[in-house]
Amino acid sequence: RLQSMAVTEPTTGTDTTKLKTTAVKKGDRYVVN
């Protein structure tokens, strides 16, 4: 099932381009915080 999409954040709401969740490339993986 593909039922979820994670875009909205508590401090940015619909100001999507300023979201703070990061994905940093490390080798063959991305590390998300």
PDB file of all heavy atoms in Angstrom:
ATOM      1  N   ARG A   1       0.835  -1.193   0.000  1.00  0.00           N
ATOM      2  CA  ARG A   1       0.000   0.000   0.000  1.00  0.00           C
ATOM      3  C   ARG A   1       0.869   1.243   0.000  1.00  0.00           C
ATOM      4  O   ARG A   1       1.818   1.346   0.774  1.00  0.00           O
ATOM      5  CB  ARG A   1      -0.905   0.035   1.239  1.00  0.00           C
ATOM      6  CG  ARG A   1      -2.115  -0.885   1.186  1.00  0.00           C
ATOM      7  CD  ARG A   1      -2.940  -0.737   2.452  1.00  0.00           C
ATOM      8  NE  ARG A   1      -4.093  -1.630   2.483  1.00  0.00           N
ATOM      9  CZ  ARG A   1      -4.832  -1.856   3.549  1.00  0.00           C
ATOM     10  NH1 ARG A   1      -4.525  -1.226   4.695  1.00  0.00           N
ATOM     11  NH2 ARG A   1      -5.861  -2.669   3.508  1.00  0.00           N
ATOM     12  N   LEU A   2       0.522   2.183  -0.882  1.00  0.00           N
ATOM     13  CA  LEU A   2       1.201   3.479  -0.930  1.00  0.00           C
ATOM     14  C   LEU A   2       0.185   4.532  -0.516  1.00  0.00           C
ATOM     15  O   LEU A   2      -0.458   5.169  -1.347  1.00  0.00           O
ATOM     16  CB  LEU A   2       1.723   3.751  -2.352  1.00  0.00           C
ATOM     17  CG  LEU A   2       2.369   5.112  -2.617  1.00  0.00           C
ATOM     18  CD1 LEU A   2       3.545   5.367  -1.696  1.00  0.00           C
ATOM     19  CD2 LEU A   2       2.784   5.225  -4.074  1.00  0.00           C
ATOM     20  N   GLN A   3       0.012   4.706   0.796  1.00  0.00           N
ATOM     21  CA  GLN A   3      -1.058   5.555   1.302  1.00  0.00           C
ATOM     22  C   GLN A   3      -0.561   6.845   1.959  1.00  0.00           C
ATOM     23  O   GLN A   3      -1.371   7.666   2.355  1.00  0.00           O
ATOM     24  CB  GLN A   3      -1.901   4.770   2.329  1.00  0.00           C
ATOM     25  CG  GLN A   3      -2.788   3.706   1.729  1.00  0.00           C
ATOM     26  CD  GLN A   3      -4.071   4.284   1.150  1.00  0.00           C
ATOM     27  OE1 GLN A   3      -4.179   5.473   0.903  1.00  0.00           O
ATOM     28  NE2 GLN A   3      -5.035   3.430   0.911  1.00  0.00           N
ATOM     29  N   SER A   4       0.746   7.011   2.099  1.00  0.00           N
ATOM     30  CA  SER A   4       1.256   8.150   2.879  1.00  0.00           C
ATOM     31  C   SER A   4       2.204   9.021   2.071  1.00  0.00           C
ATOM     32  O   SER A   4       2.994   8.509   1.263  1.00  0.00           O
ATOM     33  CB  SER A   4       1.981   7.652   4.143  1.00  0.00           C
ATOM     34  OG  SER A   4       1.063   7.125   5.063  1.00  0.00           O
ATOM     35  N   MET A   5       2.118  10.314   2.330  1.00  0.00           N
ATOM     36  CA  MET A   5       3.044  11.296   1.752  1.00  0.00           C
ATOM     37  C   MET A   5       3.491  12.230   2.863  1.00  0.00           C
ATOM     38  O   MET A   5       2.653  12.802   3.577  1.00  0.00           O
ATOM     39  CB  MET A   5       2.372  12.095   0.633  1.00  0.00           C
ATOM     40  CG  MET A   5       3.251  13.209   0.071  1.00  0.00           C
ATOM     41  SD  MET A   5       2.372  14.289  -1.103  1.00  0.00           S
ATOM     42  CE  MET A   5       2.267  13.226  -2.529  1.00  0.00           C
ATOM     43  N   ALA A   6       4.794  12.390   3.033  1.00  0.00           N
ATOM     44  CA  ALA A   6       5.337  13.227   4.102  1.00  0.00           C
ATOM     45  C   ALA A   6       5.937  14.497   3.511  1.00  0.00           C
ATOM     46  O   ALA A   6       7.056  14.496   2.990  1.00  0.00           O
ATOM     47  CB  ALA A   6       6.391  12.448   4.896  1.00  0.00           C
ATOM     48  N   VAL A   7       5.172  15.572   3.587  1.00  0.00           N
ATOM     49  CA  VAL A   7       5.617  16.876   3.084  1.00  0.00           C
ATOM     50  C   VAL A   7       5.535  17.928   4.187  1.00  0.00           C
ATOM     51  O   VAL A   7       6.510  18.612   4.494  1.00  0.00           O
ATOM     52  CB  VAL A   7       4.771  17.323   1.863  1.00  0.00           C
ATOM     53  CG1 VAL A   7       5.165  18.741   1.437  1.00  0.00           C
ATOM     54  CG2 VAL A   7       4.955  16.356   0.697  1.00  0.00           C
ATOM     55  N   THR A   8       4.388  18.063   4.831  1.00  0.00           N
ATOM     56  CA  THR A   8       4.133  19.144   5.793  1.00  0.00           C
ATOM     57  C   THR A   8       4.999  19.017   7.044  1.00  0.00           C
ATOM     58  O   THR A   8       5.220  17.917   7.555  1.00  0.00           O
ATOM     59  CB  THR A   8       2.660  19.138   6.202  1.00  0.00           C
ATOM     60  OG1 THR A   8       1.859  19.210   5.027  1.00  0.00           O
ATOM     61  CG2 THR A   8       2.339  20.306   7.112  1.00  0.00           C
ATOM     62  N   GLU A   9       5.464  20.164   7.534  1.00  0.00           N
ATOM     63  CA  GLU A   9       6.271  20.196   8.756  1.00  0.00           C
ATOM     64  C   GLU A   9       5.649  21.159   9.768  1.00  0.00           C
ATOM     65  O   GLU A   9       4.942  22.107   9.384  1.00  0.00           O
ATOM     66  CB  GLU A   9       7.706  20.607   8.432  1.00  0.00           C
ATOM     67  CG  GLU A   9       8.409  19.601   7.527  1.00  0.00           C
ATOM     68  CD  GLU A   9       9.879  19.887   7.315  1.00  0.00           C
ATOM     69  OE1 GLU A   9      10.379  20.925   7.824  1.00  0.00           O
ATOM     70  OE2 GLU A   9      10.534  19.082   6.644  1.00  0.00           O
ATOM     71  N   PRO A  10       5.926  20.961  11.047  1.00  0.00           N
ATOM     72  CA  PRO A  10       5.267  21.772  12.083  1.00  0.00           C
ATOM     73  C   PRO A  10       5.615  23.248  12.041  1.00  0.00           C
ATOM     74  O   PRO A  10       4.795  24.083  12.438  1.00  0.00           O
ATOM     75  CB  PRO A  10       5.727  21.123  13.393  1.00  0.00           C
ATOM     76  CG  PRO A  10       6.949  20.332  13.052  1.00  0.00           C
ATOM     77  CD  PRO A  10       6.761  19.899  11.633  1.00  0.00           C
ATOM     78  N   THR A  11       6.811  23.611  11.575  1.00  0.00           N
ATOM     79  CA  THR A  11       7.216  25.017  11.610  1.00  0.00           C
ATOM     80  C   THR A  11       7.063  25.719  10.266  1.00  0.00           C
ATOM     81  O   THR A  11       7.168  26.942  10.200  1.00  0.00           O
ATOM     82  CB  THR A  11       8.680  25.152  12.066  1.00  0.00           C
ATOM     83  OG1 THR A  11       9.520  24.425  11.163  1.00  0.00           O
ATOM     84  CG2 THR A  11       8.851  24.609  13.472  1.00  0.00           C
ATOM     85  N   THR A  12       6.804  24.970   9.197  1.00  0.00           N
ATOM     86  CA  THR A  12       6.706  25.601   7.877  1.00  0.00           C
ATOM     87  C   THR A  12       5.330  25.453   7.240  1.00  0.00           C
ATOM     88  O   THR A  12       4.964  26.249   6.375  1.00  0.00           O
ATOM     89  CB  THR A  12       7.753  25.017   6.915  1.00  0.00           C
ATOM     90  OG1 THR A  12       7.600  23.589   6.852  1.00  0.00           O
ATOM     91  CG2 THR A  12       9.153  25.349   7.378  1.00  0.00           C
ATOM     92  N   GLY A  13       4.555  24.454   7.649  1.00  0.00           N
ATOM     93  CA  GLY A  13       3.210  24.286   7.098  1.00  0.00           C
ATOM     94  C   GLY A  13       3.221  24.197   5.586  1.00  0.00           C
ATOM     95  O   GLY A  13       3.930  23.381   5.003  1.00  0.00           O
ATOM     96  N   THR A  14       2.453  25.078   4.938  1.00  0.00           N
ATOM     97  CA  THR A  14       2.379  25.049   3.474  1.00  0.00           C
ATOM     98  C   THR A  14       3.500  25.856   2.817  1.00  0.00           C
ATOM     99  O   THR A  14       3.527  25.959   1.587  1.00  0.00           O
ATOM    100  CB  THR A  14       1.023  25.605   3.004  1.00  0.00           C
ATOM    101  OG1 THR A  14       0.754  26.832   3.665  1.00  0.00           O
ATOM    102  CG2 THR A  14      -0.094  24.616   3.318  1.00  0.00           C
ATOM    103  N   ASP A  15       4.399  26.421   3.592  1.00  0.00           N
ATOM    104  CA  ASP A  15       5.589  27.090   3.035  1.00  0.00           C
ATOM    105  C   ASP A  15       6.622  26.010   2.727  1.00  0.00           C
ATOM    106  O   ASP A  15       7.701  25.942   3.325  1.00  0.00           O
ATOM    107  CB  ASP A  15       6.127  28.115   4.039  1.00  0.00           C
ATOM    108  CG  ASP A  15       7.129  29.074   3.401  1.00  0.00           C
ATOM    109  OD1 ASP A  15       7.392  28.942   2.184  1.00  0.00           O
ATOM    110  OD2 ASP A  15       7.652  29.934   4.126  1.00  0.00           O
ATOM    111  N   THR A  16       6.282  25.159   1.750  1.00  0.00           N
ATOM    112  CA  THR A  16       6.993  23.906   1.514  1.00  0.00           C
ATOM    113  C   THR A  16       8.470  24.094   1.204  1.00  0.00           C
ATOM    114  O   THR A  16       9.314  23.299   1.636  1.00  0.00           O
ATOM    115  CB  THR A  16       6.308  23.132   0.365  1.00  0.00           C
ATOM    116  OG1 THR A  16       4.929  22.949   0.695  1.00  0.00           O
ATOM    117  CG2 THR A  16       6.954  21.780   0.158  1.00  0.00           C
ATOM    118  N   THR A  17       8.807  25.129   0.447  1.00  0.00           N
ATOM    119  CA  THR A  17      10.197  25.284   0.023  1.00  0.00           C
ATOM    120  C   THR A  17      11.145  25.567   1.189  1.00  0.00           C
ATOM    121  O   THR A  17      12.358  25.446   1.038  1.00  0.00           O
ATOM    122  CB  THR A  17      10.330  26.406  -1.017  1.00  0.00           C
ATOM    123  OG1 THR A  17       9.822  27.629  -0.452  1.00  0.00           O
ATOM    124  CG2 THR A  17       9.552  26.057  -2.275  1.00  0.00           C
ATOM    125  N   LYS A  18      10.594  25.924   2.345  1.00  0.00           N
ATOM    126  CA  LYS A  18      11.445  26.192   3.510  1.00  0.00           C
ATOM    127  C   LYS A  18      11.469  25.030   4.498  1.00  0.00           C
ATOM    128  O   LYS A  18      11.900  25.192   5.637  1.00  0.00           O
ATOM    129  CB  LYS A  18      10.983  27.470   4.215  1.00  0.00           C
ATOM    130  CG  LYS A  18      11.195  28.726   3.379  1.00  0.00           C
ATOM    131  CD  LYS A  18      10.764  29.970   4.121  1.00  0.00           C
ATOM    132  CE  LYS A  18      10.942  31.220   3.264  1.00  0.00           C
ATOM    133  NZ  LYS A  18      10.458  32.434   3.953  1.00  0.00           N
ATOM    134  N   LEU A  19      11.003  23.870   4.057  1.00  0.00           N
ATOM    135  CA  LEU A  19      11.013  22.721   4.971  1.00  0.00           C
ATOM    136  C   LEU A  19      12.426  22.428   5.456  1.00  0.00           C
ATOM    137  O   LEU A  19      13.414  22.714   4.768  1.00  0.00           O
ATOM    138  CB  LEU A  19      10.377  21.493   4.313  1.00  0.00           C
ATOM    139  CG  LEU A  19      10.977  20.889   3.038  1.00  0.00           C
ATOM    140  CD1 LEU A  19      12.185  20.028   3.324  1.00  0.00           C
ATOM    141  CD2 LEU A  19       9.918  20.059   2.316  1.00  0.00           C
ATOM    142  N   LYS A  20      12.514  21.861   6.660  1.00  0.00           N
ATOM    143  CA  LYS A  20      13.805  21.695   7.332  1.00  0.00           C
ATOM    144  C   LYS A  20      14.314  20.256   7.359  1.00  0.00           C
ATOM    145  O   LYS A  20      15.449  20.010   7.758  1.00  0.00           O
ATOM    146  CB  LYS A  20      13.707  22.238   8.767  1.00  0.00           C
ATOM    147  CG  LYS A  20      13.430  23.740   8.837  1.00  0.00           C
ATOM    148  CD  LYS A  20      13.327  24.213  10.274  1.00  0.00           C
ATOM    149  CE  LYS A  20      13.208  25.730  10.368  1.00  0.00           C
ATOM    150  NZ  LYS A  20      12.044  26.266   9.660  1.00  0.00           N
ATOM    151  N   THR A  21      13.503  19.303   6.952  1.00  0.00           N
ATOM    152  CA  THR A  21      13.964  17.914   6.912  1.00  0.00           C
ATOM    153  C   THR A  21      15.017  17.776   5.823  1.00  0.00           C
ATOM    154  O   THR A  21      14.813  18.202   4.681  1.00  0.00           O
ATOM    155  CB  THR A  21      12.794  16.958   6.639  1.00  0.00           C
ATOM    156  OG1 THR A  21      11.864  17.066   7.712  1.00  0.00           O
ATOM    157  CG2 THR A  21      13.263  15.524   6.527  1.00  0.00           C
ATOM    158  N   THR A  22      16.152  17.197   6.178  1.00  0.00           N
ATOM    159  CA  THR A  22      17.273  17.080   5.243  1.00  0.00           C
ATOM    160  C   THR A  22      17.562  15.624   4.900  1.00  0.00           C
ATOM    161  O   THR A  22      17.305  14.718   5.698  1.00  0.00           O
ATOM    162  CB  THR A  22      18.545  17.712   5.832  1.00  0.00           C
ATOM    163  OG1 THR A  22      18.888  17.033   7.055  1.00  0.00           O
ATOM    164  CG2 THR A  22      18.350  19.188   6.106  1.00  0.00           C
ATOM    165  N   ALA A  23      18.084  15.425   3.701  1.00  0.00           N
ATOM    166  CA  ALA A  23      18.560  14.111   3.258  1.00  0.00           C
ATOM    167  C   ALA A  23      19.961  14.315   2.692  1.00  0.00           C
ATOM    168  O   ALA A  23      20.126  14.939   1.639  1.00  0.00           O
ATOM    169  CB  ALA A  23      17.632  13.514   2.215  1.00  0.00           C
ATOM    170  N   VAL A  24      20.960  13.826   3.410  1.00  0.00           N
ATOM    171  CA  VAL A  24      22.355  14.036   3.034  1.00  0.00           C
ATOM    172  C   VAL A  24      22.917  12.755   2.422  1.00  0.00           C
ATOM    173  O   VAL A  24      22.820  11.682   3.020  1.00  0.00           O
ATOM    174  CB  VAL A  24      23.189  14.457   4.265  1.00  0.00           C
ATOM    175  CG1 VAL A  24      24.649  14.644   3.877  1.00  0.00           C
ATOM    176  CG2 VAL A  24      22.626  15.753   4.876  1.00  0.00           C
ATOM    177  N   LYS A  25      23.509  12.882   1.245  1.00  0.00           N
ATOM    178  CA  LYS A  25      24.056  11.713   0.543  1.00  0.00           C
ATOM    179  C   LYS A  25      25.356  11.268   1.221  1.00  0.00           C
ATOM    180  O   LYS A  25      26.288  12.046   1.415  1.00  0.00           O
ATOM    181  CB  LYS A  25      24.337  12.080  -0.926  1.00  0.00           C
ATOM    182  CG  LYS A  25      24.817  10.916  -1.785  1.00  0.00           C
ATOM    183  CD  LYS A  25      23.657  10.009  -2.142  1.00  0.00           C
ATOM    184  CE  LYS A  25      24.133   8.850  -3.019  1.00  0.00           C
ATOM    185  NZ  LYS A  25      24.603   9.297  -4.344  1.00  0.00           N
ATOM    186  N   LYS A  26      25.400   9.994   1.591  1.00  0.00           N
ATOM    187  CA  LYS A  26      26.592   9.394   2.179  1.00  0.00           C
ATOM    188  C   LYS A  26      26.798   8.033   1.532  1.00  0.00           C
ATOM    189  O   LYS A  26      26.094   7.073   1.860  1.00  0.00           O
ATOM    190  CB  LYS A  26      26.461   9.261   3.699  1.00  0.00           C
ATOM    191  CG  LYS A  26      26.424  10.601   4.429  1.00  0.00           C
ATOM    192  CD  LYS A  26      26.428  10.437   5.946  1.00  0.00           C
ATOM    193  CE  LYS A  26      26.435  11.802   6.645  1.00  0.00           C
ATOM    194  NZ  LYS A  26      26.434  11.672   8.133  1.00  0.00           N
ATOM    195  N   GLY A  27      27.731   7.997   0.588  1.00  0.00           N
ATOM    196  CA  GLY A  27      27.950   6.752  -0.134  1.00  0.00           C
ATOM    197  C   GLY A  27      26.760   6.418  -1.012  1.00  0.00           C
ATOM    198  O   GLY A  27      26.320   7.241  -1.821  1.00  0.00           O
ATOM    199  N   ASP A  28      26.219   5.221  -0.837  1.00  0.00           N
ATOM    200  CA  ASP A  28      25.082   4.791  -1.646  1.00  0.00           C
ATOM    201  C   ASP A  28      23.752   4.966  -0.920  1.00  0.00           C
ATOM    202  O   ASP A  28      22.752   4.349  -1.289  1.00  0.00           O
ATOM    203  CB  ASP A  28      25.257   3.329  -2.074  1.00  0.00           C
ATOM    204  CG  ASP A  28      25.303   2.375  -0.880  1.00  0.00           C
ATOM    205  OD1 ASP A  28      25.365   2.859   0.273  1.00  0.00           O
ATOM    206  OD2 ASP A  28      25.283   1.152  -1.104  1.00  0.00           O
ATOM    207  N   ARG A  29      23.744   5.831   0.106  1.00  0.00           N
ATOM    208  CA  ARG A  29      22.522   6.029   0.884  1.00  0.00           C
ATOM    209  C   ARG A  29      22.330   7.516   1.186  1.00  0.00           C
ATOM    210  O   ARG A  29      23.263   8.316   1.123  1.00  0.00           O
ATOM    211  CB  ARG A  29      22.584   5.244   2.204  1.00  0.00           C
ATOM    212  CG  ARG A  29      22.999   3.788   2.023  1.00  0.00           C
ATOM    213  CD  ARG A  29      22.996   3.015   3.325  1.00  0.00           C
ATOM    214  NE  ARG A  29      21.662   2.565   3.708  1.00  0.00           N
ATOM    215  CZ  ARG A  29      21.027   1.557   3.123  1.00  0.00           C
ATOM    216  NH1 ARG A  29      21.582   0.911   2.115  1.00  0.00           N
ATOM    217  NH2 ARG A  29      19.828   1.190   3.534  1.00  0.00           N
ATOM    218  N   TYR A  30      21.087   7.853   1.506  1.00  0.00           N
ATOM    219  CA  TYR A  30      20.762   9.187   1.995  1.00  0.00           C
ATOM    220  C   TYR A  30      20.407   9.065   3.477  1.00  0.00           C
ATOM    221  O   TYR A  30      19.682   8.149   3.872  1.00  0.00           O
ATOM    222  CB  TYR A  30      19.575   9.779   1.237  1.00  0.00           C
ATOM    223  CG  TYR A  30      19.888  10.228  -0.164  1.00  0.00           C
ATOM    224  CD1 TYR A  30      19.832   9.337  -1.229  1.00  0.00           C
ATOM    225  CD2 TYR A  30      20.252  11.548  -0.432  1.00  0.00           C
ATOM    226  CE1 TYR A  30      20.103   9.740  -2.529  1.00  0.00           C
ATOM    227  CE2 TYR A  30      20.530  11.963  -1.725  1.00  0.00           C
ATOM    228  CZ  TYR A  30      20.458  11.057  -2.773  1.00  0.00           C
ATOM    229  OH  TYR A  30      20.747  11.469  -4.049  1.00  0.00           O
ATOM    230  N   VAL A  31      20.931  10.006   4.273  1.00  0.00           N
ATOM    231  CA  VAL A  31      20.642  10.010   5.709  1.00  0.00           C
ATOM    232  C   VAL A  31      19.684  11.157   6.003  1.00  0.00           C
ATOM    233  O   VAL A  31      19.987  12.329   5.727  1.00  0.00           O
ATOM    234  CB  VAL A  31      21.928  10.151   6.541  1.00  0.00           C
ATOM    235  CG1 VAL A  31      21.600  10.170   8.031  1.00  0.00           C
ATOM    236  CG2 VAL A  31      22.897   9.011   6.221  1.00  0.00           C
ATOM    237  N   VAL A  32      18.512  10.819   6.554  1.00  0.00           N
ATOM    238  CA  VAL A  32      17.423  11.779   6.735  1.00  0.00           C
ATOM    239  C   VAL A  32      17.293  12.166   8.199  1.00  0.00           C
ATOM    240  O   VAL A  32      17.286  11.305   9.092  1.00  0.00           O
ATOM    241  CB  VAL A  32      16.085  11.180   6.236  1.00  0.00           C
ATOM    242  CG1 VAL A  32      14.950  12.188   6.424  1.00  0.00           C
ATOM    243  CG2 VAL A  32      16.198  10.769   4.775  1.00  0.00           C
ATOM    244  N   ASN A  33      17.165  13.483   8.432  1.00  0.00           N
ATOM    245  CA  ASN A  33      16.901  14.011   9.764  1.00  0.00           C
ATOM    246  C   ASN A  33      15.853  15.114   9.666  1.00  0.00           C
ATOM    247  O   ASN A  33      15.872  15.916   8.722  1.00  0.00           O
ATOM    248  CB  ASN A  33      18.175  14.580  10.392  1.00  0.00           C
ATOM    249  CG  ASN A  33      19.117  13.489  10.873  1.00  0.00           C
ATOM    250  OD1 ASN A  33      18.929  12.907  11.931  1.00  0.00           O
ATOM    251  ND2 ASN A  33      20.142  13.202  10.065  1.00  0.00           N
TER     252      ASN A  33
END
